[in-house]
Amino acid sequence: MKLGLQIGLIVTSVLLVLLVLLHRGRGGGLSSLFGGGTQSSLSGSTVAEKNLDRITLFVGAIWVICVIGTGLLLKIG
């Protein structure tokens, strides 16, 4: 269990770094390189940006669960 949580923590940490770098910032970010640079005039953000936000929140939630689980296992064990 401990090994699984640690592997999950490493994988989600790397994914979070990559996902945050893909988000569009003031300068356009890396997301503009992959077609995320165009913005719809009707909405505040594109569908790709909204999906990227959802994926980032989901991976962040898994990361938090792995951190809490690892902390509890270290406290108990």
PDB file of N, CA and C in Angstrom:
ATOM      1  N   MET A   1       0.830  -1.197   0.000  1.00  0.00           N
ATOM      2  CA  MET A   1       0.000   0.000   0.000  1.00  0.00           C
ATOM      3  C   MET A   1       0.872   1.257   0.000  1.00  0.00           C
ATOM      4  N   LYS A   2       1.917   1.214   0.847  1.00  0.00           N
ATOM      5  CA  LYS A   2       2.801   2.372   0.959  1.00  0.00           C
ATOM      6  C   LYS A   2       3.515   2.629  -0.366  1.00  0.00           C
ATOM      7  N   LEU A   3       3.987   1.565  -1.015  1.00  0.00           N
ATOM      8  CA  LEU A   3       4.680   1.708  -2.293  1.00  0.00           C
ATOM      9  C   LEU A   3       3.748   2.252  -3.371  1.00  0.00           C
ATOM     10  N   GLY A   4       2.517   1.772  -3.380  1.00  0.00           N
ATOM     11  CA  GLY A   4       1.536   2.256  -4.353  1.00  0.00           C
ATOM     12  C   GLY A   4       1.241   3.734  -4.192  1.00  0.00           C
ATOM     13  N   LEU A   5       1.108   4.183  -2.961  1.00  0.00           N
ATOM     14  CA  LEU A   5       0.860   5.604  -2.707  1.00  0.00           C
ATOM     15  C   LEU A   5       2.055   6.464  -3.094  1.00  0.00           C
ATOM     16  N   GLN A   6       3.261   5.952  -2.839  1.00  0.00           N
ATOM     17  CA  GLN A   6       4.451   6.714  -3.196  1.00  0.00           C
ATOM     18  C   GLN A   6       4.610   6.822  -4.713  1.00  0.00           C
ATOM     19  N   ILE A   7       4.331   5.735  -5.426  1.00  0.00           N
ATOM     20  CA  ILE A   7       4.388   5.774  -6.884  1.00  0.00           C
ATOM     21  C   ILE A   7       3.318   6.718  -7.423  1.00  0.00           C
ATOM     22  N   GLY A   8       2.115   6.647  -6.862  1.00  0.00           N
ATOM     23  CA  GLY A   8       1.044   7.557  -7.266  1.00  0.00           C
ATOM     24  C   GLY A   8       1.410   9.008  -7.006  1.00  0.00           C
ATOM     25  N   LEU A   9       2.088   9.262  -5.910  1.00  0.00           N
ATOM     26  CA  LEU A   9       2.508  10.619  -5.561  1.00  0.00           C
ATOM     27  C   LEU A   9       3.528  11.143  -6.569  1.00  0.00           C
ATOM     28  N   ILE A  10       4.464  10.312  -6.961  1.00  0.00           N
ATOM     29  CA  ILE A  10       5.479  10.726  -7.933  1.00  0.00           C
ATOM     30  C   ILE A  10       4.838  10.997  -9.296  1.00  0.00           C
ATOM     31  N   VAL A  11       3.975  10.089  -9.737  1.00  0.00           N
ATOM     32  CA  VAL A  11       3.340  10.239 -11.049  1.00  0.00           C
ATOM     33  C   VAL A  11       2.458  11.478 -11.088  1.00  0.00           C
ATOM     34  N   THR A  12       1.646  11.673 -10.051  1.00  0.00           N
ATOM     35  CA  THR A  12       0.762  12.839 -10.051  1.00  0.00           C
ATOM     36  C   THR A  12       1.546  14.142  -9.906  1.00  0.00           C
ATOM     37  N   SER A  13       2.669  14.112  -9.211  1.00  0.00           N
ATOM     38  CA  SER A  13       3.489  15.318  -9.095  1.00  0.00           C
ATOM     39  C   SER A  13       4.028  15.744 -10.454  1.00  0.00           C
ATOM     40  N   VAL A  14       4.531  14.784 -11.220  1.00  0.00           N
ATOM     41  CA  VAL A  14       5.047  15.095 -12.558  1.00  0.00           C
ATOM     42  C   VAL A  14       3.913  15.584 -13.462  1.00  0.00           C
ATOM     43  N   LEU A  15       2.758  14.913 -13.385  1.00  0.00           N
ATOM     44  CA  LEU A  15       1.615  15.333 -14.197  1.00  0.00           C
ATOM     45  C   LEU A  15       1.156  16.743 -13.843  1.00  0.00           C
ATOM     46  N   LEU A  16       1.141  17.072 -12.552  1.00  0.00           N
ATOM     47  CA  LEU A  16       0.721  18.412 -12.143  1.00  0.00           C
ATOM     48  C   LEU A  16       1.658  19.482 -12.680  1.00  0.00           C
ATOM     49  N   VAL A  17       2.958  19.210 -12.648  1.00  0.00           N
ATOM     50  CA  VAL A  17       3.918  20.179 -13.189  1.00  0.00           C
ATOM     51  C   VAL A  17       3.646  20.402 -14.668  1.00  0.00           C
ATOM     52  N   LEU A  18       3.461  19.318 -15.412  1.00  0.00           N
ATOM     53  CA  LEU A  18       3.211  19.445 -16.850  1.00  0.00           C
ATOM     54  C   LEU A  18       1.888  20.156 -17.133  1.00  0.00           C
ATOM     55  N   LEU A  19       0.847  19.818 -16.375  1.00  0.00           N
ATOM     56  CA  LEU A  19      -0.454  20.437 -16.606  1.00  0.00           C
ATOM     57  C   LEU A  19      -0.444  21.920 -16.277  1.00  0.00           C
ATOM     58  N   VAL A  20       0.255  22.306 -15.226  1.00  0.00           N
ATOM     59  CA  VAL A  20       0.327  23.721 -14.866  1.00  0.00           C
ATOM     60  C   VAL A  20       1.104  24.497 -15.931  1.00  0.00           C
ATOM     61  N   LEU A  21       2.141  23.879 -16.480  1.00  0.00           N
ATOM     62  CA  LEU A  21       2.895  24.551 -17.540  1.00  0.00           C
ATOM     63  C   LEU A  21       2.078  24.711 -18.813  1.00  0.00           C
ATOM     64  N   LEU A  22       1.108  23.835 -19.034  1.00  0.00           N
ATOM     65  CA  LEU A  22       0.270  23.935 -20.220  1.00  0.00           C
ATOM     66  C   LEU A  22      -0.786  25.033 -20.110  1.00  0.00           C
ATOM     67  N   HIS A  23      -1.097  25.471 -18.896  1.00  0.00           N
ATOM     68  CA  HIS A  23      -2.101  26.518 -18.724  1.00  0.00           C
ATOM     69  C   HIS A  23      -1.626  27.824 -19.349  1.00  0.00           C
ATOM     70  N   ARG A  24      -2.591  28.564 -19.813  1.00  0.00           N
ATOM     71  CA  ARG A  24      -2.293  29.828 -20.448  1.00  0.00           C
ATOM     72  C   ARG A  24      -2.157  30.918 -19.397  1.00  0.00           C
ATOM     73  N   GLY A  25      -1.068  31.601 -19.423  1.00  0.00           N
ATOM     74  CA  GLY A  25      -0.832  32.699 -18.499  1.00  0.00           C
ATOM     75  C   GLY A  25      -0.894  34.015 -19.228  1.00  0.00           C
ATOM     76  N   ARG A  26      -0.262  35.008 -18.692  1.00  0.00           N
ATOM     77  CA  ARG A  26      -0.255  36.334 -19.327  1.00  0.00           C
ATOM     78  C   ARG A  26       0.493  36.307 -20.658  1.00  0.00           C
ATOM     79  N   GLY A  27       1.563  35.537 -20.720  1.00  0.00           N
ATOM     80  CA  GLY A  27       2.376  35.510 -21.923  1.00  0.00           C
ATOM     81  C   GLY A  27       1.944  34.462 -22.926  1.00  0.00           C
ATOM     82  N   GLY A  28       0.905  33.727 -22.673  1.00  0.00           N
ATOM     83  CA  GLY A  28       0.444  32.702 -23.598  1.00  0.00           C
ATOM     84  C   GLY A  28       0.814  31.307 -23.135  1.00  0.00           C
ATOM     85  N   GLY A  29       1.964  31.140 -22.496  1.00  0.00           N
ATOM     86  CA  GLY A  29       2.363  29.856 -21.955  1.00  0.00           C
ATOM     87  C   GLY A  29       2.624  28.814 -23.019  1.00  0.00           C
ATOM     88  N   LEU A  30       2.859  27.600 -22.585  1.00  0.00           N
ATOM     89  CA  LEU A  30       3.114  26.502 -23.502  1.00  0.00           C
ATOM     90  C   LEU A  30       1.851  26.057 -24.215  1.00  0.00           C
ATOM     91  N   SER A  31       0.682  26.386 -23.670  1.00  0.00           N
ATOM     92  CA  SER A  31      -0.560  25.952 -24.300  1.00  0.00           C
ATOM     93  C   SER A  31      -0.750  26.601 -25.671  1.00  0.00           C
ATOM     94  N   SER A  32      -0.166  27.766 -25.893  1.00  0.00           N
ATOM     95  CA  SER A  32      -0.296  28.415 -27.192  1.00  0.00           C
ATOM     96  C   SER A  32       0.482  27.670 -28.266  1.00  0.00           C
ATOM     97  N   LEU A  33       1.483  26.896 -27.871  1.00  0.00           N
ATOM     98  CA  LEU A  33       2.237  26.106 -28.840  1.00  0.00           C
ATOM     99  C   LEU A  33       1.415  24.965 -29.407  1.00  0.00           C
ATOM    100  N   PHE A  34       0.444  24.476 -28.651  1.00  0.00           N
ATOM    101  CA  PHE A  34      -0.344  23.322 -29.048  1.00  0.00           C
ATOM    102  C   PHE A  34      -1.758  23.699 -29.491  1.00  0.00           C
ATOM    103  N   GLY A  35      -1.958  24.909 -29.919  1.00  0.00           N
ATOM    104  CA  GLY A  35      -3.255  25.326 -30.434  1.00  0.00           C
ATOM    105  C   GLY A  35      -4.181  25.926 -29.398  1.00  0.00           C
ATOM    106  N   GLY A  36      -3.726  26.122 -28.183  1.00  0.00           N
ATOM    107  CA  GLY A  36      -4.575  26.704 -27.152  1.00  0.00           C
ATOM    108  C   GLY A  36      -4.517  28.215 -27.123  1.00  0.00           C
ATOM    109  N   GLY A  37      -3.789  28.809 -28.067  1.00  0.00           N
ATOM    110  CA  GLY A  37      -3.603  30.247 -28.061  1.00  0.00           C
ATOM    111  C   GLY A  37      -4.776  31.031 -28.605  1.00  0.00           C
ATOM    112  N   THR A  38      -5.651  30.394 -29.368  1.00  0.00           N
ATOM    113  CA  THR A  38      -6.813  31.098 -29.903  1.00  0.00           C
ATOM    114  C   THR A  38      -7.911  31.130 -28.855  1.00  0.00           C
ATOM    115  N   GLN A  39      -8.583  32.234 -28.787  1.00  0.00           N
ATOM    116  CA  GLN A  39      -9.618  32.398 -27.777  1.00  0.00           C
ATOM    117  C   GLN A  39     -10.928  32.781 -28.452  1.00  0.00           C
ATOM    118  N   SER A  40     -12.000  32.173 -28.007  1.00  0.00           N
ATOM    119  CA  SER A  40     -13.310  32.465 -28.567  1.00  0.00           C
ATOM    120  C   SER A  40     -13.766  33.851 -28.125  1.00  0.00           C
ATOM    121  N   SER A  41     -14.419  34.563 -29.022  1.00  0.00           N
ATOM    122  CA  SER A  41     -14.872  35.904 -28.676  1.00  0.00           C
ATOM    123  C   SER A  41     -16.147  35.872 -27.830  1.00  0.00           C
ATOM    124  N   LEU A  42     -16.829  34.732 -27.820  1.00  0.00           N
ATOM    125  CA  LEU A  42     -18.081  34.653 -27.072  1.00  0.00           C
ATOM    126  C   LEU A  42     -17.880  34.241 -25.617  1.00  0.00           C
ATOM    127  N   SER A  43     -16.891  33.404 -25.360  1.00  0.00           N
ATOM    128  CA  SER A  43     -16.688  32.915 -23.995  1.00  0.00           C
ATOM    129  C   SER A  43     -15.334  33.371 -23.470  1.00  0.00           C
ATOM    130  N   GLY A  44     -15.155  33.213 -22.168  1.00  0.00           N
ATOM    131  CA  GLY A  44     -13.914  33.636 -21.549  1.00  0.00           C
ATOM    132  C   GLY A  44     -12.750  32.728 -21.851  1.00  0.00           C
ATOM    133  N   SER A  45     -13.001  31.444 -22.065  1.00  0.00           N
ATOM    134  CA  SER A  45     -11.924  30.527 -22.372  1.00  0.00           C
ATOM    135  C   SER A  45     -12.428  29.439 -23.317  1.00  0.00           C
ATOM    136  N   THR A  46     -11.510  28.772 -23.958  1.00  0.00           N
ATOM    137  CA  THR A  46     -11.873  27.750 -24.924  1.00  0.00           C
ATOM    138  C   THR A  46     -12.236  26.454 -24.214  1.00  0.00           C
ATOM    139  N   VAL A  47     -12.780  25.536 -24.968  1.00  0.00           N
ATOM    140  CA  VAL A  47     -13.132  24.224 -24.419  1.00  0.00           C
ATOM    141  C   VAL A  47     -11.880  23.502 -23.961  1.00  0.00           C
ATOM    142  N   ALA A  48     -10.793  23.672 -24.711  1.00  0.00           N
ATOM    143  CA  ALA A  48      -9.534  23.019 -24.334  1.00  0.00           C
ATOM    144  C   ALA A  48      -9.041  23.528 -22.977  1.00  0.00           C
ATOM    145  N   GLU A  49      -9.159  24.820 -22.745  1.00  0.00           N
ATOM    146  CA  GLU A  49      -8.744  25.377 -21.453  1.00  0.00           C
ATOM    147  C   GLU A  49      -9.627  24.877 -20.316  1.00  0.00           C
ATOM    148  N   LYS A  50     -10.915  24.774 -20.571  1.00  0.00           N
ATOM    149  CA  LYS A  50     -11.828  24.277 -19.536  1.00  0.00           C
ATOM    150  C   LYS A  50     -11.517  22.820 -19.203  1.00  0.00           C
ATOM    151  N   ASN A  51     -11.268  22.015 -20.242  1.00  0.00           N
ATOM    152  CA  ASN A  51     -10.917  20.622 -20.000  1.00  0.00           C
ATOM    153  C   ASN A  51      -9.579  20.502 -19.282  1.00  0.00           C
ATOM    154  N   LEU A  52      -8.632  21.359 -19.634  1.00  0.00           N
ATOM    155  CA  LEU A  52      -7.338  21.364 -18.962  1.00  0.00           C
ATOM    156  C   LEU A  52      -7.499  21.730 -17.487  1.00  0.00           C
ATOM    157  N   ASP A  53      -8.394  22.663 -17.196  1.00  0.00           N
ATOM    158  CA  ASP A  53      -8.677  23.016 -15.799  1.00  0.00           C
ATOM    159  C   ASP A  53      -9.255  21.827 -15.039  1.00  0.00           C
ATOM    160  N   ARG A  54     -10.199  21.127 -15.658  1.00  0.00           N
ATOM    161  CA  ARG A  54     -10.822  19.964 -15.004  1.00  0.00           C
ATOM    162  C   ARG A  54      -9.808  18.857 -14.747  1.00  0.00           C
ATOM    163  N   ILE A  55      -8.975  18.580 -15.735  1.00  0.00           N
ATOM    164  CA  ILE A  55      -7.964  17.527 -15.579  1.00  0.00           C
ATOM    165  C   ILE A  55      -6.976  17.904 -14.484  1.00  0.00           C
ATOM    166  N   THR A  56      -6.581  19.182 -14.448  1.00  0.00           N
ATOM    167  CA  THR A  56      -5.645  19.639 -13.424  1.00  0.00           C
ATOM    168  C   THR A  56      -6.247  19.505 -12.030  1.00  0.00           C
ATOM    169  N   LEU A  57      -7.511  19.853 -11.876  1.00  0.00           N
ATOM    170  CA  LEU A  57      -8.164  19.710 -10.573  1.00  0.00           C
ATOM    171  C   LEU A  57      -8.282  18.236 -10.170  1.00  0.00           C
ATOM    172  N   PHE A  58      -8.586  17.372 -11.130  1.00  0.00           N
ATOM    173  CA  PHE A  58      -8.705  15.942 -10.843  1.00  0.00           C
ATOM    174  C   PHE A  58      -7.361  15.362 -10.414  1.00  0.00           C
ATOM    175  N   VAL A  59      -6.297  15.682 -11.138  1.00  0.00           N
ATOM    176  CA  VAL A  59      -4.969  15.175 -10.782  1.00  0.00           C
ATOM    177  C   VAL A  59      -4.526  15.773  -9.446  1.00  0.00           C
ATOM    178  N   GLY A  60      -4.868  17.029  -9.200  1.00  0.00           N
ATOM    179  CA  GLY A  60      -4.549  17.648  -7.912  1.00  0.00           C
ATOM    180  C   GLY A  60      -5.258  16.973  -6.750  1.00  0.00           C
ATOM    181  N   ALA A  61      -6.497  16.565  -6.967  1.00  0.00           N
ATOM    182  CA  ALA A  61      -7.235  15.857  -5.916  1.00  0.00           C
ATOM    183  C   ALA A  61      -6.602  14.493  -5.631  1.00  0.00           C
ATOM    184  N   ILE A  62      -6.194  13.802  -6.676  1.00  0.00           N
ATOM    185  CA  ILE A  62      -5.518  12.510  -6.480  1.00  0.00           C
ATOM    186  C   ILE A  62      -4.200  12.724  -5.744  1.00  0.00           C
ATOM    187  N   TRP A  63      -3.482  13.800  -6.079  1.00  0.00           N
ATOM    188  CA  TRP A  63      -2.224  14.114  -5.409  1.00  0.00           C
ATOM    189  C   TRP A  63      -2.443  14.344  -3.913  1.00  0.00           C
ATOM    190  N   VAL A  64      -3.490  15.100  -3.573  1.00  0.00           N
ATOM    191  CA  VAL A  64      -3.799  15.372  -2.158  1.00  0.00           C
ATOM    192  C   VAL A  64      -4.142  14.074  -1.430  1.00  0.00           C
ATOM    193  N   ILE A  65      -4.903  13.189  -2.067  1.00  0.00           N
ATOM    194  CA  ILE A  65      -5.245  11.903  -1.459  1.00  0.00           C
ATOM    195  C   ILE A  65      -3.990  11.077  -1.210  1.00  0.00           C
ATOM    196  N   CYS A  66      -3.067  11.073  -2.174  1.00  0.00           N
ATOM    197  CA  CYS A  66      -1.816  10.327  -2.002  1.00  0.00           C
ATOM    198  C   CYS A  66      -0.967  10.907  -0.870  1.00  0.00           C
ATOM    199  N   VAL A  67      -0.937  12.233  -0.754  1.00  0.00           N
ATOM    200  CA  VAL A  67      -0.163  12.864   0.311  1.00  0.00           C
ATOM    201  C   VAL A  67      -0.756  12.512   1.675  1.00  0.00           C
ATOM    202  N   ILE A  68      -2.063  12.612   1.799  1.00  0.00           N
ATOM    203  CA  ILE A  68      -2.719  12.304   3.078  1.00  0.00           C
ATOM    204  C   ILE A  68      -2.545  10.829   3.416  1.00  0.00           C
ATOM    205  N   GLY A  69      -2.728   9.949   2.421  1.00  0.00           N
ATOM    206  CA  GLY A  69      -2.554   8.517   2.653  1.00  0.00           C
ATOM    207  C   GLY A  69      -1.153   8.156   3.066  1.00  0.00           C
ATOM    208  N   THR A  70      -0.157   8.748   2.415  1.00  0.00           N
ATOM    209  CA  THR A  70       1.237   8.485   2.776  1.00  0.00           C
ATOM    210  C   THR A  70       1.539   9.003   4.184  1.00  0.00           C
ATOM    211  N   GLY A  71       1.025  10.170   4.504  1.00  0.00           N
ATOM    212  CA  GLY A  71       1.224  10.710   5.850  1.00  0.00           C
ATOM    213  C   GLY A  71       0.592   9.839   6.925  1.00  0.00           C
ATOM    214  N   LEU A  72      -0.616   9.345   6.666  1.00  0.00           N
ATOM    215  CA  LEU A  72      -1.269   8.470   7.640  1.00  0.00           C
ATOM    216  C   LEU A  72      -0.519   7.161   7.799  1.00  0.00           C
ATOM    217  N   LEU A  73      -0.020   6.598   6.708  1.00  0.00           N
ATOM    218  CA  LEU A  73       0.734   5.344   6.807  1.00  0.00           C
ATOM    219  C   LEU A  73       2.044   5.544   7.562  1.00  0.00           C
ATOM    220  N   LEU A  74       2.685   6.676   7.383  1.00  0.00           N
ATOM    221  CA  LEU A  74       3.908   6.945   8.107  1.00  0.00           C
ATOM    222  C   LEU A  74       3.643   7.160   9.586  1.00  0.00           C
ATOM    223  N   LYS A  75       2.516   7.761   9.923  1.00  0.00           N
ATOM    224  CA  LYS A  75       2.170   8.004  11.317  1.00  0.00           C
ATOM    225  C   LYS A  75       1.815   6.691  12.024  1.00  0.00           C
ATOM    226  N   ILE A  76       1.081   5.834  11.321  1.00  0.00           N
ATOM    227  CA  ILE A  76       0.669   4.565  11.921  1.00  0.00           C
ATOM    228  C   ILE A  76       1.819   3.574  12.006  1.00  0.00           C
ATOM    229  N   GLY A  77       2.566   3.453  10.890  1.00  0.00           N
ATOM    230  CA  GLY A  77       3.580   2.421  10.778  1.00  0.00           C
ATOM    231  C   GLY A  77       4.862   2.746  11.412  1.00  0.00           C
TER     232      GLY A  77
END
